[in-house]
C-alpha atoms as a PDB file:
ATOM      1  CA  MET A   1     -33.761  12.367  18.763  1.00  0.00           C
ATOM      2  CA  ILE A   2     -33.989   9.747  21.434  1.00  0.00           C
ATOM      3  CA  ASP A   3     -36.994   8.772  23.505  1.00  0.00           C
ATOM      4  CA  ALA A   4     -37.110   8.180  27.260  1.00  0.00           C
ATOM      5  CA  THR A   5     -36.289   4.471  26.914  1.00  0.00           C
ATOM      6  CA  ASP A   6     -33.284   5.162  24.673  1.00  0.00           C
ATOM      7  CA  ARG A   7     -32.066   7.705  27.224  1.00  0.00           C
ATOM      8  CA  GLN A   8     -32.375   5.110  30.030  1.00  0.00           C
ATOM      9  CA  ILE A   9     -30.399   2.606  27.959  1.00  0.00           C
ATOM     10  CA  ILE A  10     -27.623   5.105  27.229  1.00  0.00           C
ATOM     11  CA  GLN A  11     -27.459   6.121  30.891  1.00  0.00           C
ATOM     12  CA  ALA A  12     -27.304   2.476  31.967  1.00  0.00           C
ATOM     13  CA  LEU A  13     -24.426   1.758  29.575  1.00  0.00           C
ATOM     14  CA  GLN A  14     -22.410   4.981  29.706  1.00  0.00           C
ATOM     15  CA  GLY A  15     -20.406   3.792  32.707  1.00  0.00           C
ATOM     16  CA  GLY A  16     -19.573   0.494  31.029  1.00  0.00           C
ATOM     17  CA  LEU A  17     -21.050  -2.966  30.817  1.00  0.00           C
ATOM     18  CA  PRO A  18     -21.402  -4.975  34.016  1.00  0.00           C
ATOM     19  CA  LEU A  19     -18.660  -7.573  34.398  1.00  0.00           C
ATOM     20  CA  VAL A  20     -20.932 -10.621  34.330  1.00  0.00           C
ATOM     21  CA  SER A  21     -21.242 -13.529  31.916  1.00  0.00           C
ATOM     22  CA  ALA A  22     -24.348 -12.037  30.228  1.00  0.00           C
ATOM     23  CA  PRO A  23     -23.958  -8.237  30.482  1.00  0.00           C
ATOM     24  CA  TYR A  24     -26.758  -7.272  28.092  1.00  0.00           C
ATOM     25  CA  ALA A  25     -29.197  -9.578  29.887  1.00  0.00           C
ATOM     26  CA  GLN A  26     -28.206  -7.926  33.174  1.00  0.00           C
ATOM     27  CA  VAL A  27     -28.721  -4.402  31.797  1.00  0.00           C
ATOM     28  CA  ALA A  28     -32.068  -5.397  30.261  1.00  0.00           C
ATOM     29  CA  ASP A  29     -33.174  -6.909  33.564  1.00  0.00           C
ATOM     30  CA  ASP A  30     -32.091  -3.760  35.437  1.00  0.00           C
ATOM     31  CA  LEU A  31     -34.198  -1.697  33.011  1.00  0.00           C
ATOM     32  CA  GLY A  32     -37.176  -4.059  33.166  1.00  0.00           C
ATOM     33  CA  MET A  33     -37.152  -5.023  29.501  1.00  0.00           C
ATOM     34  CA  PRO A  34     -36.438  -8.167  27.486  1.00  0.00           C
ATOM     35  CA  GLU A  35     -32.829  -8.527  26.344  1.00  0.00           C
ATOM     36  CA  ALA A  36     -34.007  -8.773  22.708  1.00  0.00           C
ATOM     37  CA  ASP A  37     -35.656  -5.334  23.003  1.00  0.00           C
ATOM     38  CA  LEU A  38     -32.477  -3.843  24.460  1.00  0.00           C
ATOM     39  CA  LEU A  39     -30.363  -5.280  21.638  1.00  0.00           C
ATOM     40  CA  GLU A  40     -32.866  -4.105  19.009  1.00  0.00           C
ATOM     41  CA  ARG A  41     -32.826  -0.576  20.424  1.00  0.00           C
ATOM     42  CA  LEU A  42     -29.008  -0.538  20.563  1.00  0.00           C
ATOM     43  CA  SER A  43     -28.888  -1.653  16.944  1.00  0.00           C
ATOM     44  CA  ALA A  44     -31.316   1.125  15.951  1.00  0.00           C
ATOM     45  CA  LEU A  45     -29.310   3.734  17.904  1.00  0.00           C
ATOM     46  CA  LYS A  46     -26.171   2.624  16.083  1.00  0.00           C
ATOM     47  CA  ALA A  47     -27.904   2.636  12.682  1.00  0.00           C
ATOM     48  CA  ARG A  48     -29.108   6.218  13.317  1.00  0.00           C
ATOM     49  CA  GLY A  49     -25.619   7.322  14.388  1.00  0.00           C
ATOM     50  CA  VAL A  50     -26.681   8.150  17.953  1.00  0.00           C
ATOM     51  CA  ILE A  51     -24.011   5.755  19.237  1.00  0.00           C
ATOM     52  CA  ARG A  52     -20.955   4.740  17.238  1.00  0.00           C
ATOM     53  CA  ARG A  53     -19.929   1.606  19.063  1.00  0.00           C
ATOM     54  CA  ILE A  54     -19.755  -0.224  22.347  1.00  0.00           C
ATOM     55  CA  ALA A  55     -16.191  -1.292  22.961  1.00  0.00           C
ATOM     56  CA  ALA A  56     -13.579  -1.959  25.582  1.00  0.00           C
ATOM     57  CA  ALA A  57     -11.570   1.125  26.502  1.00  0.00           C
ATOM     58  CA  PRO A  58      -8.268  -0.096  27.904  1.00  0.00           C
ATOM     59  CA  ASN A  59      -6.238   2.202  30.122  1.00  0.00           C
ATOM     60  CA  HIS A  60      -3.140   2.705  27.985  1.00  0.00           C
ATOM     61  CA  TYR A  61      -1.116   3.844  31.018  1.00  0.00           C
ATOM     62  CA  LYS A  62      -1.745   0.520  32.786  1.00  0.00           C
ATOM     63  CA  LEU A  63      -0.737  -1.269  29.575  1.00  0.00           C
ATOM     64  CA  GLY A  64       2.654   0.457  29.667  1.00  0.00           C
ATOM     65  CA  MET A  65       1.855   3.078  27.018  1.00  0.00           C
ATOM     66  CA  THR A  66       2.936   6.036  29.125  1.00  0.00           C
ATOM     67  CA  SER A  67       4.108   8.386  26.389  1.00  0.00           C
ATOM     68  CA  ASN A  68       1.239   9.967  24.504  1.00  0.00           C
ATOM     69  CA  GLY A  69       1.435  12.621  21.843  1.00  0.00           C
ATOM     70  CA  MET A  70      -1.161  14.460  19.803  1.00  0.00           C
ATOM     71  CA  THR A  71       0.577  14.861  16.469  1.00  0.00           C
ATOM     72  CA  VAL A  72      -0.604  17.910  14.545  1.00  0.00           C
ATOM     73  CA  TRP A  73      -0.133  18.479  10.832  1.00  0.00           C
ATOM     74  CA  ASP A  74      -0.730  21.218   8.275  1.00  0.00           C
ATOM     75  CA  VAL A  75      -1.997  19.182   5.326  1.00  0.00           C
ATOM     76  CA  GLU A  76      -3.075  20.481   1.926  1.00  0.00           C
ATOM     77  CA  ASP A  77      -6.846  20.953   2.007  1.00  0.00           C
ATOM     78  CA  ASP A  78      -7.473  19.046  -1.214  1.00  0.00           C
ATOM     79  CA  ARG A  79      -5.655  15.975   0.185  1.00  0.00           C
ATOM     80  CA  ILE A  80      -6.789  15.928   3.809  1.00  0.00           C
ATOM     81  CA  ALA A  81      -9.758  13.541   3.361  1.00  0.00           C
ATOM     82  CA  GLU A  82      -7.650  10.957   1.536  1.00  0.00           C
ATOM     83  CA  LEU A  83      -4.611  11.256   3.797  1.00  0.00           C
ATOM     84  CA  GLY A  84      -6.631  11.574   7.001  1.00  0.00           C
ATOM     85  CA  ALA A  85      -8.348   8.261   6.218  1.00  0.00           C
ATOM     86  CA  GLN A  86      -4.936   6.606   5.754  1.00  0.00           C
ATOM     87  CA  ILE A  87      -3.610   8.033   9.022  1.00  0.00           C
ATOM     88  CA  GLY A  88      -6.774   7.117  10.918  1.00  0.00           C
ATOM     89  CA  ALA A  89      -6.448   3.517   9.707  1.00  0.00           C
ATOM     90  CA  LEU A  90      -2.969   3.087  11.204  1.00  0.00           C
ATOM     91  CA  PRO A  91      -3.093   0.607  14.090  1.00  0.00           C
ATOM     92  CA  PHE A  92      -1.215   2.930  16.456  1.00  0.00           C
ATOM     93  CA  VAL A  93      -3.456   5.995  15.873  1.00  0.00           C
ATOM     94  CA  THR A  94      -6.288   6.060  18.418  1.00  0.00           C
ATOM     95  CA  HIS A  95      -7.940   9.353  17.432  1.00  0.00           C
ATOM     96  CA  CYS A  96      -7.726  11.173  14.106  1.00  0.00           C
ATOM     97  CA  TYR A  97      -9.545  14.412  13.338  1.00  0.00           C
ATOM     98  CA  GLU A  98      -9.709  17.194  10.802  1.00  0.00           C
ATOM     99  CA  ARG A  99     -10.084  20.587  12.474  1.00  0.00           C
ATOM    100  CA  PRO A 100     -10.096  24.138  11.131  1.00  0.00           C
ATOM    101  CA  ARG A 101      -6.866  26.079  11.317  1.00  0.00           C
ATOM    102  CA  ALA A 102      -6.631  29.115  13.651  1.00  0.00           C
ATOM    103  CA  LEU A 103      -4.333  31.273  11.559  1.00  0.00           C
ATOM    104  CA  PRO A 104      -1.882  32.826  11.959  1.00  0.00           C
ATOM    105  CA  ASP A 105      -1.012  31.130  15.267  1.00  0.00           C
ATOM    106  CA  TRP A 106      -2.188  27.564  14.599  1.00  0.00           C
ATOM    107  CA  PRO A 107      -1.692  26.284  11.032  1.00  0.00           C
ATOM    108  CA  TYR A 108      -2.619  22.654  11.762  1.00  0.00           C
ATOM    109  CA  ASN A 109      -5.709  20.951  10.369  1.00  0.00           C
ATOM    110  CA  LEU A 110      -5.038  17.232  10.962  1.00  0.00           C
ATOM    111  CA  PHE A 111      -4.692  15.743  14.449  1.00  0.00           C
ATOM    112  CA  ALA A 112      -3.650  12.153  15.234  1.00  0.00           C
ATOM    113  CA  MET A 113      -3.172  10.744  18.761  1.00  0.00           C
ATOM    114  CA  VAL A 114      -0.277   8.300  19.137  1.00  0.00           C
ATOM    115  CA  HIS A 115       0.689   6.216  22.191  1.00  0.00           C
ATOM    116  CA  GLY A 116       3.973   4.512  23.008  1.00  0.00           C
ATOM    117  CA  SER A 117       6.001   3.092  25.861  1.00  0.00           C
ATOM    118  CA  ASP A 118       8.393   6.051  25.591  1.00  0.00           C
ATOM    119  CA  ARG A 119       8.920   9.195  23.512  1.00  0.00           C
ATOM    120  CA  ASP A 120      11.277   7.412  21.125  1.00  0.00           C
ATOM    121  CA  GLU A 121       8.490   4.998  20.172  1.00  0.00           C
ATOM    122  CA  VAL A 122       6.039   7.876  19.694  1.00  0.00           C
ATOM    123  CA  GLU A 123       8.590   9.698  17.530  1.00  0.00           C
ATOM    124  CA  GLU A 124       9.033   6.563  15.374  1.00  0.00           C
ATOM    125  CA  LYS A 125       5.276   6.433  14.839  1.00  0.00           C
ATOM    126  CA  ARG A 126       5.198  10.144  14.047  1.00  0.00           C
ATOM    127  CA  ALA A 127       7.873   9.518  11.403  1.00  0.00           C
ATOM    128  CA  GLU A 128       5.636   6.853   9.835  1.00  0.00           C
ATOM    129  CA  ILE A 129       2.800   9.376   9.625  1.00  0.00           C
ATOM    130  CA  ALA A 130       5.141  11.985   8.122  1.00  0.00           C
ATOM    131  CA  ALA A 131       6.209   9.495   5.441  1.00  0.00           C
ATOM    132  CA  ILE A 132       2.583   8.906   4.449  1.00  0.00           C
ATOM    133  CA  LEU A 133       1.797  12.621   4.342  1.00  0.00           C
ATOM    134  CA  GLY A 134       4.913  13.387   2.304  1.00  0.00           C
ATOM    135  CA  ASP A 135       4.939  16.687   0.420  1.00  0.00           C
ATOM    136  CA  ALA A 136       1.253  17.304   1.265  1.00  0.00           C
ATOM    137  CA  CYS A 137       2.411  18.226   4.789  1.00  0.00           C
ATOM    138  CA  ARG A 138       3.700  21.771   5.189  1.00  0.00           C
ATOM    139  CA  ALA A 139       4.240  21.879   8.971  1.00  0.00           C
ATOM    140  CA  LYS A 140       4.021  19.547  11.962  1.00  0.00           C
ATOM    141  CA  ASP A 141       4.367  19.420  15.722  1.00  0.00           C
ATOM    142  CA  ILE A 142       3.569  17.115  18.626  1.00  0.00           C
ATOM    143  CA  LEU A 143       1.930  17.895  21.941  1.00  0.00           C
ATOM    144  CA  TYR A 144       2.851  15.400  24.667  1.00  0.00           C
ATOM    145  CA  SER A 145       0.408  14.561  27.443  1.00  0.00           C
ATOM    146  CA  THR A 146       1.599  15.334  30.952  1.00  0.00           C
ATOM    147  CA  ARG A 147      -1.405  13.932  32.867  1.00  0.00           C
ATOM    148  CA  ILE A 148      -4.903  12.511  32.388  1.00  0.00           C
ATOM    149  CA  LEU A 149      -7.610  15.073  33.080  1.00  0.00           C
ATOM    150  CA  LYS A 150     -10.633  13.047  31.956  1.00  0.00           C
ATOM    151  CA  LYS A 151     -11.067   9.458  30.846  1.00  0.00           C
ATOM    152  CA  THR A 152     -14.760   9.112  29.921  1.00  0.00           C
ATOM    153  CA  GLY A 153     -17.040   9.738  26.998  1.00  0.00           C
ATOM    154  CA  LEU A 154     -20.122  11.910  26.931  1.00  0.00           C
ATOM    155  CA  ARG A 155     -22.388  11.458  29.947  1.00  0.00           C
ATOM    156  CA  LEU A 156     -26.148  12.094  29.882  1.00  0.00           C
ATOM    157  CA  LYS A 157     -27.598  13.617  33.033  1.00  0.00           C
ATOM    158  CA  LYS A 158     -30.679  12.073  34.543  1.00  0.00           C
ATOM    159  CA  LYS A 159     -33.777  14.158  33.794  1.00  0.00           C
ATOM    160  CA  GLY A 160     -36.040  15.296  36.559  1.00  0.00           C
END
């Protein structure tokens, strides 16, 4: 649970930090609180798992990474935690999830998003993932992005 002040902090930060030399001081000032209180609350929110991180979110298209594929894998259930952690740790994997299969049409339970400058680069990265998964992988596919539909995280609505 979050209180009203935590909600205000999340709403103030959900659009990104202000591009100033002291962004947290600016946000704290905008909220009418000392910067130390803001930082303490952010630390507590992170410790409780309410927020995972505050980080830069580069636009991979503007960085030249215009080929994007969600690789999907049917991985043995007793190996997915171990192998999923290895795949998620790869520097070129930006999202990695375990999801339930939707049999018989969708046998995949491991998803890993890969970006590249072209499809050949994405395919090379997919081959690296396949090598790690080895015989534990029974089927695979890749779903290429055709356009960006949304590029934000969760947004809290203002109450009242």
